[in-house]
């Protein structure tokens, strides 16, 4: 999938029959599982994102400057590690039925590299969509959401993507409401190469956070061509000709060891 365009539709664990290979693999897993301390690789950071009518790309403002385009961080990681991105978001005017735009957010990702050399970066990773994907084509298990303002799981690779709308759609999102989201990708089973990708959506009610939704999908070897060793993240939104403002608070990227369900607590 291309960053900033319309939708276009490693490391691998290998075991052997020898006792030595099995013990070596178990030793490596124990080593990663023992590293339970989460490391903050980026953040916390705040952003104000504004889209004006006629502008091809939104303007992003942070404490260190302004630019047009998207938010991205590149890194690598062990396929065994857990990667988590946490941030709060709010908008006075983004979540409306007339807004056909959405955010693509990914961890265990790379949103910067142009893998097919056509001059535009390719989106690769695992994450969510935030906004309107009611027009996404149905091709089970991929498909649209019913609500025009929602969160759903999404997988990204160089030549395509899959929105898991029917199975992972959240409650509807509203303007002038503070939300918090955790986007997590973890190696659930090293021997079968099963990855669990999850989001947790929270809503600020008074002075407390209320959990709204927890959704996940399981990724097996070959489901997503994007390498499992990608360690960056990206947040990108598509321009559909509507003016809006979107606030992002306390964006923080974490990594932690094998066997950790999430890194932020």
C-alpha atoms as a PDB file:
ATOM      1  CA  UNK A   1       0.000   0.000   0.000  1.00  0.00           C
ATOM      2  CA  UNK A   2       1.242   3.474  -0.864  1.00  0.00           C
ATOM      3  CA  UNK A   3       1.552   6.182   1.787  1.00  0.00           C
ATOM      4  CA  UNK A   4      -0.545   9.216   0.912  1.00  0.00           C
ATOM      5  CA  UNK A   5      -2.369   7.552  -1.986  1.00  0.00           C
ATOM      6  CA  UNK A   6      -5.650   5.735  -2.416  1.00  0.00           C
ATOM      7  CA  UNK A   7      -5.955   2.105  -1.421  1.00  0.00           C
ATOM      8  CA  UNK A   8      -4.248  -0.484  -3.589  1.00  0.00           C
ATOM      9  CA  UNK A   9      -5.419  -3.654  -3.088  1.00  0.00           C
ATOM     10  CA  UNK A  10      12.888 -11.844   7.881  1.00  0.00           C
ATOM     11  CA  UNK A  11      13.488 -13.272  10.087  1.00  0.00           C
ATOM     12  CA  UNK A  12      11.846 -16.673  10.405  1.00  0.00           C
ATOM     13  CA  UNK A  13      12.080 -19.181  13.184  1.00  0.00           C
ATOM     14  CA  UNK A  14      13.171 -22.560  11.898  1.00  0.00           C
ATOM     15  CA  UNK A  15      13.270 -25.692  13.969  1.00  0.00           C
ATOM     16  CA  UNK A  16      15.091 -28.929  13.321  1.00  0.00           C
ATOM     17  CA  UNK A  17      14.638 -32.401  14.645  1.00  0.00           C
ATOM     18  CA  UNK A  18      17.875 -32.303  16.571  1.00  0.00           C
ATOM     19  CA  UNK A  19      17.939 -31.820  20.302  1.00  0.00           C
ATOM     20  CA  UNK A  20      20.664 -29.207  19.927  1.00  0.00           C
ATOM     21  CA  UNK A  21      18.521 -26.945  17.722  1.00  0.00           C
ATOM     22  CA  UNK A  22      15.545 -27.293  20.024  1.00  0.00           C
ATOM     23  CA  UNK A  23      17.587 -26.415  23.101  1.00  0.00           C
ATOM     24  CA  UNK A  24      19.167 -23.485  21.284  1.00  0.00           C
ATOM     25  CA  UNK A  25      15.743 -22.150  20.312  1.00  0.00           C
ATOM     26  CA  UNK A  26      14.449 -22.537  23.863  1.00  0.00           C
ATOM     27  CA  UNK A  27      17.535 -20.763  25.177  1.00  0.00           C
ATOM     28  CA  UNK A  28      16.956 -17.833  22.803  1.00  0.00           C
ATOM     29  CA  UNK A  29      13.306 -17.600  23.819  1.00  0.00           C
ATOM     30  CA  UNK A  30      14.232 -17.609  27.478  1.00  0.00           C
ATOM     31  CA  UNK A  31      16.696 -14.828  26.820  1.00  0.00           C
ATOM     32  CA  UNK A  32      14.097 -12.622  25.137  1.00  0.00           C
ATOM     33  CA  UNK A  33      11.381 -13.487  27.641  1.00  0.00           C
ATOM     34  CA  UNK A  34      13.715 -12.523  30.459  1.00  0.00           C
ATOM     35  CA  UNK A  35      14.013  -8.997  29.083  1.00  0.00           C
ATOM     36  CA  UNK A  36      10.703  -7.898  30.540  1.00  0.00           C
ATOM     37  CA  UNK A  37      11.640  -4.239  30.868  1.00  0.00           C
ATOM     38  CA  UNK A  38       9.943  -2.142  28.232  1.00  0.00           C
ATOM     39  CA  UNK A  39      12.070   0.349  26.340  1.00  0.00           C
ATOM     40  CA  UNK A  40      10.669   3.620  25.011  1.00  0.00           C
ATOM     41  CA  UNK A  41      12.098   4.051  21.526  1.00  0.00           C
ATOM     42  CA  UNK A  42      10.248   7.274  20.686  1.00  0.00           C
ATOM     43  CA  UNK A  43       8.192   9.880  22.502  1.00  0.00           C
ATOM     44  CA  UNK A  44       6.146  11.019  24.162  1.00  0.00           C
ATOM     45  CA  UNK A  45       5.277  13.577  21.486  1.00  0.00           C
ATOM     46  CA  UNK A  46       2.287  15.801  20.648  1.00  0.00           C
ATOM     47  CA  UNK A  47       1.100  16.842  17.178  1.00  0.00           C
ATOM     48  CA  UNK A  48      -1.491  19.137  15.655  1.00  0.00           C
ATOM     49  CA  UNK A  49      -2.541  17.991  12.179  1.00  0.00           C
ATOM     50  CA  UNK A  50      -4.541  20.372   9.988  1.00  0.00           C
ATOM     51  CA  UNK A  51      -6.020  19.804   6.553  1.00  0.00           C
ATOM     52  CA  UNK A  52      -7.067  22.823   4.521  1.00  0.00           C
ATOM     53  CA  UNK A  53      -9.284  22.704   1.461  1.00  0.00           C
ATOM     54  CA  UNK A  54      -7.166  22.565  -1.663  1.00  0.00           C
ATOM     55  CA  UNK A  55      -3.990  21.364   0.083  1.00  0.00           C
ATOM     56  CA  UNK A  56      -2.778  17.990  -1.224  1.00  0.00           C
ATOM     57  CA  UNK A  57      -1.319  17.009   2.152  1.00  0.00           C
ATOM     58  CA  UNK A  58      -2.057  17.921   5.776  1.00  0.00           C
ATOM     59  CA  UNK A  59       0.275  20.140   7.788  1.00  0.00           C
ATOM     60  CA  UNK A  60       1.756  18.571  10.910  1.00  0.00           C
ATOM     61  CA  UNK A  61       3.066  20.708  13.745  1.00  0.00           C
ATOM     62  CA  UNK A  62       5.182  19.386  16.621  1.00  0.00           C
ATOM     63  CA  UNK A  63       7.402  21.046  19.214  1.00  0.00           C
ATOM     64  CA  UNK A  64      10.422  20.765  16.882  1.00  0.00           C
ATOM     65  CA  UNK A  65       8.835  22.119  13.689  1.00  0.00           C
ATOM     66  CA  UNK A  66       6.193  21.776  10.972  1.00  0.00           C
ATOM     67  CA  UNK A  67       6.000  19.761   7.755  1.00  0.00           C
ATOM     68  CA  UNK A  68       3.453  18.371   5.304  1.00  0.00           C
ATOM     69  CA  UNK A  69       2.761  14.689   4.826  1.00  0.00           C
ATOM     70  CA  UNK A  70       2.707  12.080   7.564  1.00  0.00           C
ATOM     71  CA  UNK A  71       4.325  10.913  10.812  1.00  0.00           C
ATOM     72  CA  UNK A  72       6.829   8.066  10.604  1.00  0.00           C
ATOM     73  CA  UNK A  73       9.738   6.524  12.464  1.00  0.00           C
ATOM     74  CA  UNK A  74      12.003   3.842  11.017  1.00  0.00           C
ATOM     75  CA  UNK A  75      13.758   1.122  12.978  1.00  0.00           C
ATOM     76  CA  UNK A  76      14.310  -2.629  13.031  1.00  0.00           C
ATOM     77  CA  UNK A  77      13.602  -5.206  15.727  1.00  0.00           C
ATOM     78  CA  UNK A  78      13.788  -8.898  16.476  1.00  0.00           C
ATOM     79  CA  UNK A  79      10.754 -10.771  15.197  1.00  0.00           C
ATOM     80  CA  UNK A  80      10.394 -12.137  18.728  1.00  0.00           C
ATOM     81  CA  UNK A  81       9.835  -8.740  20.322  1.00  0.00           C
ATOM     82  CA  UNK A  82       6.544  -7.006  21.101  1.00  0.00           C
ATOM     83  CA  UNK A  83       5.988  -3.561  19.569  1.00  0.00           C
ATOM     84  CA  UNK A  84       3.393  -1.144  20.958  1.00  0.00           C
ATOM     85  CA  UNK A  85       2.328   2.358  19.948  1.00  0.00           C
ATOM     86  CA  UNK A  86       0.185   4.382  22.361  1.00  0.00           C
ATOM     87  CA  UNK A  87      -1.370   7.792  21.790  1.00  0.00           C
ATOM     88  CA  UNK A  88      -4.409   9.900  22.596  1.00  0.00           C
ATOM     89  CA  UNK A  89      -6.418  11.653  19.895  1.00  0.00           C
ATOM     90  CA  UNK A  90      -9.259  14.137  19.568  1.00  0.00           C
ATOM     91  CA  UNK A  91     -10.839  16.237  16.841  1.00  0.00           C
ATOM     92  CA  UNK A  92     -13.531  18.931  16.679  1.00  0.00           C
ATOM     93  CA  UNK A  93     -14.568  18.042  13.117  1.00  0.00           C
ATOM     94  CA  UNK A  94     -12.899  14.875  11.710  1.00  0.00           C
ATOM     95  CA  UNK A  95     -15.533  12.302  12.690  1.00  0.00           C
ATOM     96  CA  UNK A  96     -18.532  13.119  10.491  1.00  0.00           C
ATOM     97  CA  UNK A  97     -20.509  11.028   8.010  1.00  0.00           C
ATOM     98  CA  UNK A  98     -19.493  13.445   5.239  1.00  0.00           C
ATOM     99  CA  UNK A  99     -15.784  12.875   5.853  1.00  0.00           C
ATOM    100  CA  UNK A 100     -14.518   9.980   3.734  1.00  0.00           C
ATOM    101  CA  UNK A 101     -10.968  10.185   5.106  1.00  0.00           C
ATOM    102  CA  UNK A 102      -9.183   7.880   7.494  1.00  0.00           C
ATOM    103  CA  UNK A 103      -5.887   7.435   9.299  1.00  0.00           C
ATOM    104  CA  UNK A 104      -3.652   4.435   8.682  1.00  0.00           C
ATOM    105  CA  UNK A 105      -1.590   3.586  11.781  1.00  0.00           C
ATOM    106  CA  UNK A 106       0.936   0.753  11.965  1.00  0.00           C
ATOM    107  CA  UNK A 107       3.540  -0.822  14.227  1.00  0.00           C
ATOM    108  CA  UNK A 108       6.143  -3.461  13.318  1.00  0.00           C
ATOM    109  CA  UNK A 109       6.206  -1.232  10.294  1.00  0.00           C
ATOM    110  CA  UNK A 110       7.996   0.900   7.711  1.00  0.00           C
ATOM    111  CA  UNK A 111       6.164   3.791   6.091  1.00  0.00           C
ATOM    112  CA  UNK A 112       9.198   5.496   4.556  1.00  0.00           C
ATOM    113  CA  UNK A 113      10.946   3.064   2.183  1.00  0.00           C
ATOM    114  CA  UNK A 114      10.051   3.042  -1.523  1.00  0.00           C
ATOM    115  CA  UNK A 115      10.222  -0.717  -2.073  1.00  0.00           C
ATOM    116  CA  UNK A 116       9.136  -0.676  -5.733  1.00  0.00           C
ATOM    117  CA  UNK A 117      11.165   2.377  -6.804  1.00  0.00           C
ATOM    118  CA  UNK A 118       8.224   4.366  -8.166  1.00  0.00           C
ATOM    119  CA  UNK A 119       9.018   7.518  -6.193  1.00  0.00           C
ATOM    120  CA  UNK A 120       6.489   7.038  -3.374  1.00  0.00           C
ATOM    121  CA  UNK A 121       6.953   5.265  -0.018  1.00  0.00           C
ATOM    122  CA  UNK A 122       5.188   1.968   0.570  1.00  0.00           C
ATOM    123  CA  UNK A 123       3.197   1.247   3.738  1.00  0.00           C
ATOM    124  CA  UNK A 124       4.247  -2.016   5.360  1.00  0.00           C
ATOM    125  CA  UNK A 125       3.218  -3.193   8.802  1.00  0.00           C
ATOM    126  CA  UNK A 126       0.393  -4.179  11.124  1.00  0.00           C
ATOM    127  CA  UNK A 127      -2.061  -1.820  12.748  1.00  0.00           C
ATOM    128  CA  UNK A 128      -5.379  -0.025  12.496  1.00  0.00           C
ATOM    129  CA  UNK A 129      -7.479   2.337  10.478  1.00  0.00           C
ATOM    130  CA  UNK A 130      -9.183   5.262  12.248  1.00  0.00           C
ATOM    131  CA  UNK A 131     -12.031   6.972  10.407  1.00  0.00           C
ATOM    132  CA  UNK A 132     -14.114   6.065   7.378  1.00  0.00           C
ATOM    133  CA  UNK A 133     -13.554   2.837   5.422  1.00  0.00           C
ATOM    134  CA  UNK A 134     -17.209   2.107   4.621  1.00  0.00           C
ATOM    135  CA  UNK A 135     -16.288   2.089   0.932  1.00  0.00           C
ATOM    136  CA  UNK A 136     -13.553  -0.524   1.271  1.00  0.00           C
ATOM    137  CA  UNK A 137     -14.247  -3.546  -0.995  1.00  0.00           C
ATOM    138  CA  UNK A 138     -15.445  -6.790   0.565  1.00  0.00           C
ATOM    139  CA  UNK A 139     -13.116  -9.758   0.118  1.00  0.00           C
ATOM    140  CA  UNK A 140     -13.363 -11.855   3.310  1.00  0.00           C
ATOM    141  CA  UNK A 141     -11.784 -11.697   5.768  1.00  0.00           C
ATOM    142  CA  UNK A 142     -11.113  -8.166   4.468  1.00  0.00           C
ATOM    143  CA  UNK A 143     -14.006  -5.751   4.227  1.00  0.00           C
ATOM    144  CA  UNK A 144     -15.540  -2.396   5.174  1.00  0.00           C
ATOM    145  CA  UNK A 145     -16.819  -1.157   8.498  1.00  0.00           C
ATOM    146  CA  UNK A 146     -20.474  -0.300   8.946  1.00  0.00           C
ATOM    147  CA  UNK A 147     -19.810   2.892  10.898  1.00  0.00           C
ATOM    148  CA  UNK A 148     -18.342   5.871   9.044  1.00  0.00           C
ATOM    149  CA  UNK A 149     -16.224   6.798  12.084  1.00  0.00           C
ATOM    150  CA  UNK A 150     -14.612   3.759  13.649  1.00  0.00           C
ATOM    151  CA  UNK A 151     -11.404   1.870  14.410  1.00  0.00           C
ATOM    152  CA  UNK A 152     -10.601  -1.471  12.766  1.00  0.00           C
ATOM    153  CA  UNK A 153      -7.524  -3.662  12.365  1.00  0.00           C
ATOM    154  CA  UNK A 154      -5.543  -3.349   9.131  1.00  0.00           C
ATOM    155  CA  UNK A 155      -2.549  -5.137   7.594  1.00  0.00           C
ATOM    156  CA  UNK A 156      -0.251  -3.323   5.151  1.00  0.00           C
ATOM    157  CA  UNK A 157       2.226  -4.606   2.590  1.00  0.00           C
ATOM    158  CA  UNK A 158       3.950  -3.074  -0.445  1.00  0.00           C
ATOM    159  CA  UNK A 159       1.335  -4.060  -3.011  1.00  0.00           C
ATOM    160  CA  UNK A 160      -1.837  -4.089  -0.923  1.00  0.00           C
ATOM    161  CA  UNK A 161      -3.642  -4.138   2.384  1.00  0.00           C
ATOM    162  CA  UNK A 162      -6.480  -5.780   4.287  1.00  0.00           C
ATOM    163  CA  UNK A 163      -8.986  -3.974   6.508  1.00  0.00           C
ATOM    164  CA  UNK A 164     -10.509  -6.470   8.953  1.00  0.00           C
ATOM    165  CA  UNK A 165     -13.636  -4.340   9.188  1.00  0.00           C
ATOM    166  CA  UNK A 166     -16.339  -6.970   9.682  1.00  0.00           C
ATOM    167  CA  UNK A 167     -14.527  -8.720  12.543  1.00  0.00           C
ATOM    168  CA  UNK A 168     -12.701  -5.903  14.377  1.00  0.00           C
ATOM    169  CA  UNK A 169     -14.847  -2.753  14.034  1.00  0.00           C
ATOM    170  CA  UNK A 170     -15.042  -0.572  17.136  1.00  0.00           C
ATOM    171  CA  UNK A 171     -17.861   1.485  18.514  1.00  0.00           C
ATOM    172  CA  UNK A 172     -18.498   4.728  16.662  1.00  0.00           C
ATOM    173  CA  UNK A 173     -16.177   7.681  17.279  1.00  0.00           C
ATOM    174  CA  UNK A 174     -17.394  11.203  18.052  1.00  0.00           C
ATOM    175  CA  UNK A 175     -15.988  14.693  17.723  1.00  0.00           C
ATOM    176  CA  UNK A 176     -14.845  16.619  20.809  1.00  0.00           C
ATOM    177  CA  UNK A 177     -14.080  13.381  22.658  1.00  0.00           C
ATOM    178  CA  UNK A 178     -10.645  12.305  23.924  1.00  0.00           C
ATOM    179  CA  UNK A 179      -9.672   8.752  22.970  1.00  0.00           C
ATOM    180  CA  UNK A 180      -6.600   6.674  23.693  1.00  0.00           C
ATOM    181  CA  UNK A 181      -5.437   3.739  21.607  1.00  0.00           C
ATOM    182  CA  UNK A 182      -2.855   1.013  22.111  1.00  0.00           C
ATOM    183  CA  UNK A 183      -1.716  -0.686  18.884  1.00  0.00           C
ATOM    184  CA  UNK A 184       0.228  -3.873  19.653  1.00  0.00           C
ATOM    185  CA  UNK A 185       2.011  -6.526  17.584  1.00  0.00           C
ATOM    186  CA  UNK A 186       3.501  -9.514  19.427  1.00  0.00           C
ATOM    187  CA  UNK A 187       4.986 -12.865  18.461  1.00  0.00           C
ATOM    188  CA  UNK A 188       2.521 -15.202  20.133  1.00  0.00           C
ATOM    189  CA  UNK A 189       4.121 -18.478  19.084  1.00  0.00           C
ATOM    190  CA  UNK A 190       7.712 -18.666  17.865  1.00  0.00           C
ATOM    191  CA  UNK A 191       7.456 -22.245  16.592  1.00  0.00           C
ATOM    192  CA  UNK A 192       4.374 -21.660  14.422  1.00  0.00           C
ATOM    193  CA  UNK A 193       5.355 -18.054  13.594  1.00  0.00           C
ATOM    194  CA  UNK A 194       1.960 -16.787  14.805  1.00  0.00           C
ATOM    195  CA  UNK A 195       1.721 -13.051  15.471  1.00  0.00           C
ATOM    196  CA  UNK A 196      -1.155 -11.427  17.349  1.00  0.00           C
ATOM    197  CA  UNK A 197      -2.024  -7.869  16.335  1.00  0.00           C
ATOM    198  CA  UNK A 198      -4.313  -6.008  18.709  1.00  0.00           C
ATOM    199  CA  UNK A 199      -5.811  -2.659  19.521  1.00  0.00           C
ATOM    200  CA  UNK A 200      -7.289  -1.370  22.764  1.00  0.00           C
ATOM    201  CA  UNK A 201      -9.539   1.678  22.480  1.00  0.00           C
ATOM    202  CA  UNK A 202     -10.236   3.869  25.505  1.00  0.00           C
ATOM    203  CA  UNK A 203     -12.454   6.940  26.035  1.00  0.00           C
ATOM    204  CA  UNK A 204     -11.923   9.744  28.537  1.00  0.00           C
ATOM    205  CA  UNK A 205     -14.947  10.015  30.828  1.00  0.00           C
ATOM    206  CA  UNK A 206     -14.567  12.692  33.473  1.00  0.00           C
ATOM    207  CA  UNK A 207     -11.066  12.195  34.811  1.00  0.00           C
ATOM    208  CA  UNK A 208     -10.839   8.474  34.041  1.00  0.00           C
ATOM    209  CA  UNK A 209     -10.258   6.235  31.022  1.00  0.00           C
ATOM    210  CA  UNK A 210     -13.092   3.866  30.068  1.00  0.00           C
ATOM    211  CA  UNK A 211     -12.248   0.809  27.952  1.00  0.00           C
ATOM    212  CA  UNK A 212     -14.452   0.686  24.831  1.00  0.00           C
ATOM    213  CA  UNK A 213     -13.040  -2.122  22.694  1.00  0.00           C
ATOM    214  CA  UNK A 214     -10.306  -4.743  22.502  1.00  0.00           C
ATOM    215  CA  UNK A 215      -9.932  -6.429  19.115  1.00  0.00           C
ATOM    216  CA  UNK A 216      -7.236  -8.551  17.478  1.00  0.00           C
ATOM    217  CA  UNK A 217      -6.448 -10.720  14.492  1.00  0.00           C
ATOM    218  CA  UNK A 218      -3.969 -13.568  14.220  1.00  0.00           C
ATOM    219  CA  UNK A 219      -1.302 -13.445  11.530  1.00  0.00           C
ATOM    220  CA  UNK A 220       0.385 -16.630  10.364  1.00  0.00           C
ATOM    221  CA  UNK A 221       3.476 -17.013   8.206  1.00  0.00           C
ATOM    222  CA  UNK A 222       2.658 -15.786   4.697  1.00  0.00           C
ATOM    223  CA  UNK A 223      -0.468 -13.803   5.629  1.00  0.00           C
ATOM    224  CA  UNK A 224       1.411 -10.492   5.437  1.00  0.00           C
ATOM    225  CA  UNK A 225       4.474 -10.261   3.160  1.00  0.00           C
ATOM    226  CA  UNK A 226       5.880  -7.370   5.233  1.00  0.00           C
ATOM    227  CA  UNK A 227       8.931  -8.528   7.215  1.00  0.00           C
ATOM    228  CA  UNK A 228       8.330  -9.247  10.895  1.00  0.00           C
ATOM    229  CA  UNK A 229      11.624  -7.492  11.693  1.00  0.00           C
ATOM    230  CA  UNK A 230      10.329  -4.037  10.750  1.00  0.00           C
ATOM    231  CA  UNK A 231      10.522  -1.948  13.916  1.00  0.00           C
ATOM    232  CA  UNK A 232       9.169   1.466  12.999  1.00  0.00           C
ATOM    233  CA  UNK A 233       5.710   3.030  12.965  1.00  0.00           C
ATOM    234  CA  UNK A 234       3.693   5.417  10.829  1.00  0.00           C
ATOM    235  CA  UNK A 235       0.519   7.502  10.934  1.00  0.00           C
ATOM    236  CA  UNK A 236      -0.782   8.643   7.573  1.00  0.00           C
ATOM    237  CA  UNK A 237      -4.102  10.109   6.467  1.00  0.00           C
ATOM    238  CA  UNK A 238      -5.653  10.281   3.014  1.00  0.00           C
ATOM    239  CA  UNK A 239      -6.956  13.596   1.671  1.00  0.00           C
ATOM    240  CA  UNK A 240     -10.528  13.562   0.411  1.00  0.00           C
ATOM    241  CA  UNK A 241     -11.087  17.303   0.101  1.00  0.00           C
ATOM    242  CA  UNK A 242     -12.448  18.217   3.527  1.00  0.00           C
ATOM    243  CA  UNK A 243     -10.936  20.661   6.020  1.00  0.00           C
ATOM    244  CA  UNK A 244     -10.329  19.342   9.547  1.00  0.00           C
ATOM    245  CA  UNK A 245      -8.065  19.480  12.603  1.00  0.00           C
ATOM    246  CA  UNK A 246      -6.767  16.410  14.446  1.00  0.00           C
ATOM    247  CA  UNK A 247      -4.880  16.430  17.759  1.00  0.00           C
ATOM    248  CA  UNK A 248      -2.467  13.678  18.784  1.00  0.00           C
ATOM    249  CA  UNK A 249      -1.137  13.591  22.361  1.00  0.00           C
ATOM    250  CA  UNK A 250       1.560  11.619  24.179  1.00  0.00           C
ATOM    251  CA  UNK A 251       2.478   9.431  21.210  1.00  0.00           C
ATOM    252  CA  UNK A 252       4.938   6.853  22.543  1.00  0.00           C
ATOM    253  CA  UNK A 253       6.503   3.805  20.893  1.00  0.00           C
ATOM    254  CA  UNK A 254       7.600   0.881  23.100  1.00  0.00           C
ATOM    255  CA  UNK A 255       9.408  -2.400  22.572  1.00  0.00           C
ATOM    256  CA  UNK A 256       9.658  -5.308  25.014  1.00  0.00           C
ATOM    257  CA  UNK A 257      10.672  -8.952  25.097  1.00  0.00           C
ATOM    258  CA  UNK A 258       9.112 -12.145  23.786  1.00  0.00           C
ATOM    259  CA  UNK A 259       6.130 -13.277  25.840  1.00  0.00           C
ATOM    260  CA  UNK A 260       5.106  -9.764  26.898  1.00  0.00           C
ATOM    261  CA  UNK A 261       1.470  -9.105  25.968  1.00  0.00           C
ATOM    262  CA  UNK A 262       2.126  -5.376  25.905  1.00  0.00           C
ATOM    263  CA  UNK A 263       4.930  -3.034  26.868  1.00  0.00           C
ATOM    264  CA  UNK A 264       3.274   0.053  28.348  1.00  0.00           C
ATOM    265  CA  UNK A 265       2.260  -1.413  31.705  1.00  0.00           C
END
